[in-house]
């Protein structure tokens, strides 16, 4: 059971990491989320990125919240 839980958590962390990377790439290609795929990726990642954005100071056009989230995810992957 412990092995199953560990593998599940690792898979979940990898999936969230892929979603965040997709969000970053889509923010360059389709920043408004005008198609269904972009809207899905934005909807899945926004609940994780919004709290980080509230804590970070405003930096103009550059959004560092995906970077912070990826660092946190990589740290979690290391400990799981």
N, C-alpha and C. Protein backbone atom coordinates (compact mmCIF):
# COMPACT_ATOMS: atom_id res chain seq x y z
N UNK A 1 0.82 -1.19 0.00
CA UNK A 1 0.00 0.00 0.00
C UNK A 1 0.87 1.26 0.00
N UNK A 2 1.96 1.22 0.74
CA UNK A 2 2.85 2.38 0.79
C UNK A 2 3.47 2.65 -0.56
N UNK A 3 3.84 1.60 -1.28
CA UNK A 3 4.42 1.75 -2.61
C UNK A 3 3.40 2.35 -3.58
N UNK A 4 2.16 1.90 -3.50
CA UNK A 4 1.12 2.44 -4.35
C UNK A 4 0.92 3.93 -4.10
N UNK A 5 0.85 4.32 -2.84
CA UNK A 5 0.66 5.72 -2.48
C UNK A 5 1.83 6.57 -2.95
N UNK A 6 3.03 6.06 -2.78
CA UNK A 6 4.22 6.80 -3.23
C UNK A 6 4.22 6.99 -4.74
N UNK A 7 3.92 5.93 -5.47
CA UNK A 7 3.86 6.02 -6.94
C UNK A 7 2.76 6.95 -7.40
N UNK A 8 1.61 6.91 -6.72
CA UNK A 8 0.50 7.79 -7.07
C UNK A 8 0.89 9.25 -6.85
N UNK A 9 1.52 9.56 -5.73
CA UNK A 9 1.95 10.94 -5.45
C UNK A 9 2.99 11.41 -6.47
N UNK A 10 3.91 10.54 -6.83
CA UNK A 10 4.91 10.91 -7.82
C UNK A 10 4.25 11.18 -9.17
N UNK A 11 3.32 10.34 -9.57
CA UNK A 11 2.61 10.54 -10.83
C UNK A 11 1.80 11.83 -10.80
N UNK A 12 1.16 12.11 -9.69
CA UNK A 12 0.40 13.34 -9.55
C UNK A 12 1.30 14.58 -9.65
N UNK A 13 2.45 14.53 -9.02
CA UNK A 13 3.38 15.65 -9.08
C UNK A 13 3.92 15.86 -10.50
N UNK A 14 4.20 14.78 -11.19
CA UNK A 14 4.66 14.88 -12.58
C UNK A 14 3.55 15.46 -13.46
N UNK A 15 2.32 15.02 -13.25
CA UNK A 15 1.21 15.54 -14.05
C UNK A 15 1.01 17.04 -13.82
N UNK A 16 1.11 17.48 -12.58
CA UNK A 16 0.97 18.91 -12.29
C UNK A 16 2.13 19.68 -12.90
N UNK A 17 3.32 19.13 -12.86
CA UNK A 17 4.48 19.78 -13.47
C UNK A 17 4.28 19.95 -14.97
N UNK A 18 3.78 18.92 -15.63
CA UNK A 18 3.51 19.00 -17.07
C UNK A 18 2.45 20.06 -17.36
N UNK A 19 1.42 20.12 -16.52
CA UNK A 19 0.38 21.14 -16.69
C UNK A 19 0.95 22.55 -16.56
N UNK A 20 1.84 22.75 -15.60
CA UNK A 20 2.43 24.08 -15.40
C UNK A 20 3.32 24.44 -16.59
N UNK A 21 4.11 23.50 -17.08
CA UNK A 21 4.92 23.77 -18.26
C UNK A 21 4.04 24.08 -19.47
N UNK A 22 2.94 23.35 -19.62
CA UNK A 22 2.01 23.63 -20.72
C UNK A 22 1.41 25.02 -20.57
N UNK A 23 1.12 25.42 -19.35
CA UNK A 23 0.57 26.77 -19.10
C UNK A 23 1.57 27.83 -19.51
N UNK A 24 2.84 27.63 -19.18
CA UNK A 24 3.86 28.61 -19.55
C UNK A 24 3.97 28.72 -21.07
N UNK A 25 4.01 27.61 -21.75
CA UNK A 25 4.12 27.63 -23.21
C UNK A 25 2.88 28.25 -23.84
N UNK A 26 1.71 27.89 -23.32
CA UNK A 26 0.47 28.45 -23.86
C UNK A 26 0.34 29.94 -23.57
N UNK A 27 0.96 30.42 -22.51
CA UNK A 27 0.89 31.86 -22.22
C UNK A 27 1.64 32.66 -23.29
N UNK A 28 2.57 32.04 -23.99
CA UNK A 28 3.27 32.71 -25.08
C UNK A 28 2.48 32.60 -26.38
N UNK A 29 1.82 31.44 -26.58
CA UNK A 29 1.12 31.17 -27.84
C UNK A 29 -0.30 31.71 -27.82
N UNK A 30 -1.03 31.43 -26.76
CA UNK A 30 -2.45 31.79 -26.67
C UNK A 30 -2.73 32.38 -25.28
N UNK A 31 -2.32 33.61 -25.02
CA UNK A 31 -2.43 34.15 -23.66
C UNK A 31 -3.86 34.34 -23.15
N UNK A 32 -4.83 34.45 -24.04
CA UNK A 32 -6.21 34.63 -23.61
C UNK A 32 -6.95 33.32 -23.38
N UNK A 33 -6.38 32.21 -23.78
CA UNK A 33 -7.04 30.92 -23.62
C UNK A 33 -8.28 30.81 -24.48
N UNK A 34 -8.13 31.13 -25.76
CA UNK A 34 -9.30 31.21 -26.63
C UNK A 34 -9.82 29.86 -27.12
N UNK A 35 -9.01 28.80 -27.07
CA UNK A 35 -9.54 27.50 -27.47
C UNK A 35 -9.76 26.62 -26.24
N UNK A 36 -10.39 25.47 -26.43
CA UNK A 36 -10.78 24.61 -25.30
C UNK A 36 -9.58 24.04 -24.57
N UNK A 37 -8.55 23.66 -25.31
CA UNK A 37 -7.36 23.09 -24.68
C UNK A 37 -6.68 24.12 -23.78
N UNK A 38 -6.51 25.34 -24.27
CA UNK A 38 -5.90 26.40 -23.47
C UNK A 38 -6.75 26.72 -22.25
N UNK A 39 -8.05 26.78 -22.45
CA UNK A 39 -8.95 27.07 -21.33
C UNK A 39 -8.87 25.98 -20.27
N UNK A 40 -8.76 24.72 -20.69
CA UNK A 40 -8.62 23.61 -19.75
C UNK A 40 -7.33 23.73 -18.94
N UNK A 41 -6.22 23.97 -19.63
CA UNK A 41 -4.93 24.09 -18.95
C UNK A 41 -4.96 25.27 -17.98
N UNK A 42 -5.51 26.39 -18.40
CA UNK A 42 -5.59 27.57 -17.53
C UNK A 42 -6.46 27.26 -16.32
N UNK A 43 -7.59 26.58 -16.52
CA UNK A 43 -8.50 26.26 -15.41
C UNK A 43 -7.87 25.29 -14.42
N UNK A 44 -7.03 24.39 -14.90
CA UNK A 44 -6.40 23.41 -14.01
C UNK A 44 -5.25 24.00 -13.21
N UNK A 45 -4.56 24.99 -13.77
CA UNK A 45 -3.38 25.53 -13.09
C UNK A 45 -3.66 26.80 -12.29
N UNK A 46 -4.71 27.51 -12.61
CA UNK A 46 -4.99 28.78 -11.94
C UNK A 46 -5.19 28.64 -10.43
N UNK A 47 -5.89 27.60 -9.93
CA UNK A 47 -6.02 27.47 -8.47
C UNK A 47 -4.69 27.30 -7.74
N UNK A 48 -3.66 26.81 -8.41
CA UNK A 48 -2.35 26.65 -7.79
C UNK A 48 -1.51 27.92 -7.93
N UNK A 49 -1.71 28.66 -9.02
CA UNK A 49 -0.89 29.84 -9.28
C UNK A 49 -1.42 31.10 -8.62
N UNK A 50 -2.73 31.22 -8.46
CA UNK A 50 -3.32 32.44 -7.91
C UNK A 50 -2.83 32.76 -6.49
N UNK A 51 -2.76 31.79 -5.56
CA UNK A 51 -2.26 32.13 -4.23
C UNK A 51 -0.80 32.59 -4.23
N UNK A 52 -0.01 32.02 -5.13
CA UNK A 52 1.39 32.44 -5.22
C UNK A 52 1.47 33.85 -5.76
N UNK A 53 0.64 34.19 -6.74
CA UNK A 53 0.60 35.54 -7.30
C UNK A 53 0.23 36.59 -6.26
N UNK A 54 -0.68 36.22 -5.34
CA UNK A 54 -1.09 37.16 -4.30
C UNK A 54 0.04 37.49 -3.35
N UNK A 55 0.94 36.55 -3.14
CA UNK A 55 2.05 36.74 -2.20
C UNK A 55 3.21 37.48 -2.86
N UNK A 56 3.47 37.21 -4.13
CA UNK A 56 4.60 37.83 -4.83
C UNK A 56 4.32 39.30 -5.11
N UNK A 57 5.36 40.13 -5.07
CA UNK A 57 5.18 41.54 -5.45
C UNK A 57 4.96 41.65 -6.97
N UNK A 58 4.31 42.70 -7.39
CA UNK A 58 4.06 42.93 -8.82
C UNK A 58 5.38 43.17 -9.54
N UNK A 59 5.55 42.51 -10.69
CA UNK A 59 6.78 42.67 -11.47
C UNK A 59 6.49 43.11 -12.89
N UNK A 60 5.35 43.70 -13.11
CA UNK A 60 5.01 44.17 -14.46
C UNK A 60 4.49 43.03 -15.31
N UNK A 61 5.08 42.87 -16.48
CA UNK A 61 4.62 41.87 -17.44
C UNK A 61 5.10 40.45 -17.13
N UNK A 62 6.07 40.31 -16.27
CA UNK A 62 6.66 38.99 -16.00
C UNK A 62 5.95 38.35 -14.81
N UNK A 63 5.49 37.12 -14.99
CA UNK A 63 4.81 36.37 -13.94
C UNK A 63 5.75 35.28 -13.43
N UNK A 64 6.19 35.42 -12.19
CA UNK A 64 7.12 34.45 -11.62
C UNK A 64 6.41 33.32 -10.87
N UNK A 65 5.09 33.35 -10.81
CA UNK A 65 4.37 32.32 -10.05
C UNK A 65 4.58 30.90 -10.61
N UNK A 66 4.64 30.69 -11.94
CA UNK A 66 4.93 29.32 -12.40
C UNK A 66 6.33 28.85 -11.98
N UNK A 67 7.28 29.75 -11.95
CA UNK A 67 8.64 29.39 -11.52
C UNK A 67 8.64 28.94 -10.06
N UNK A 68 7.96 29.70 -9.22
CA UNK A 68 7.89 29.35 -7.80
C UNK A 68 7.18 28.01 -7.61
N UNK A 69 6.07 27.82 -8.35
CA UNK A 69 5.33 26.56 -8.25
C UNK A 69 6.18 25.39 -8.72
N UNK A 70 6.92 25.56 -9.79
CA UNK A 70 7.78 24.47 -10.28
C UNK A 70 8.88 24.15 -9.27
N UNK A 71 9.45 25.15 -8.64
CA UNK A 71 10.46 24.90 -7.61
C UNK A 71 9.85 24.11 -6.46
N UNK A 72 8.65 24.49 -6.03
CA UNK A 72 7.97 23.75 -4.96
C UNK A 72 7.66 22.32 -5.38
N UNK A 73 7.22 22.14 -6.61
CA UNK A 73 6.93 20.78 -7.09
C UNK A 73 8.18 19.92 -7.15
N UNK A 74 9.28 20.49 -7.63
CA UNK A 74 10.53 19.73 -7.68
C UNK A 74 11.02 19.38 -6.27
N UNK A 75 10.82 20.29 -5.33
CA UNK A 75 11.19 19.97 -3.94
C UNK A 75 10.33 18.84 -3.39
N UNK A 76 9.02 18.89 -3.68
CA UNK A 76 8.14 17.81 -3.23
C UNK A 76 8.51 16.48 -3.88
N UNK A 77 8.86 16.50 -5.15
CA UNK A 77 9.27 15.27 -5.84
C UNK A 77 10.50 14.66 -5.19
N UNK A 78 11.37 15.52 -4.74
CA UNK A 78 12.61 15.05 -4.13
C UNK A 78 12.33 14.32 -2.81
N UNK A 79 11.32 14.79 -2.08
CA UNK A 79 11.03 14.20 -0.76
C UNK A 79 10.03 13.05 -0.80
N UNK A 80 9.36 12.86 -1.92
CA UNK A 80 8.36 11.77 -2.00
C UNK A 80 9.02 10.48 -2.43
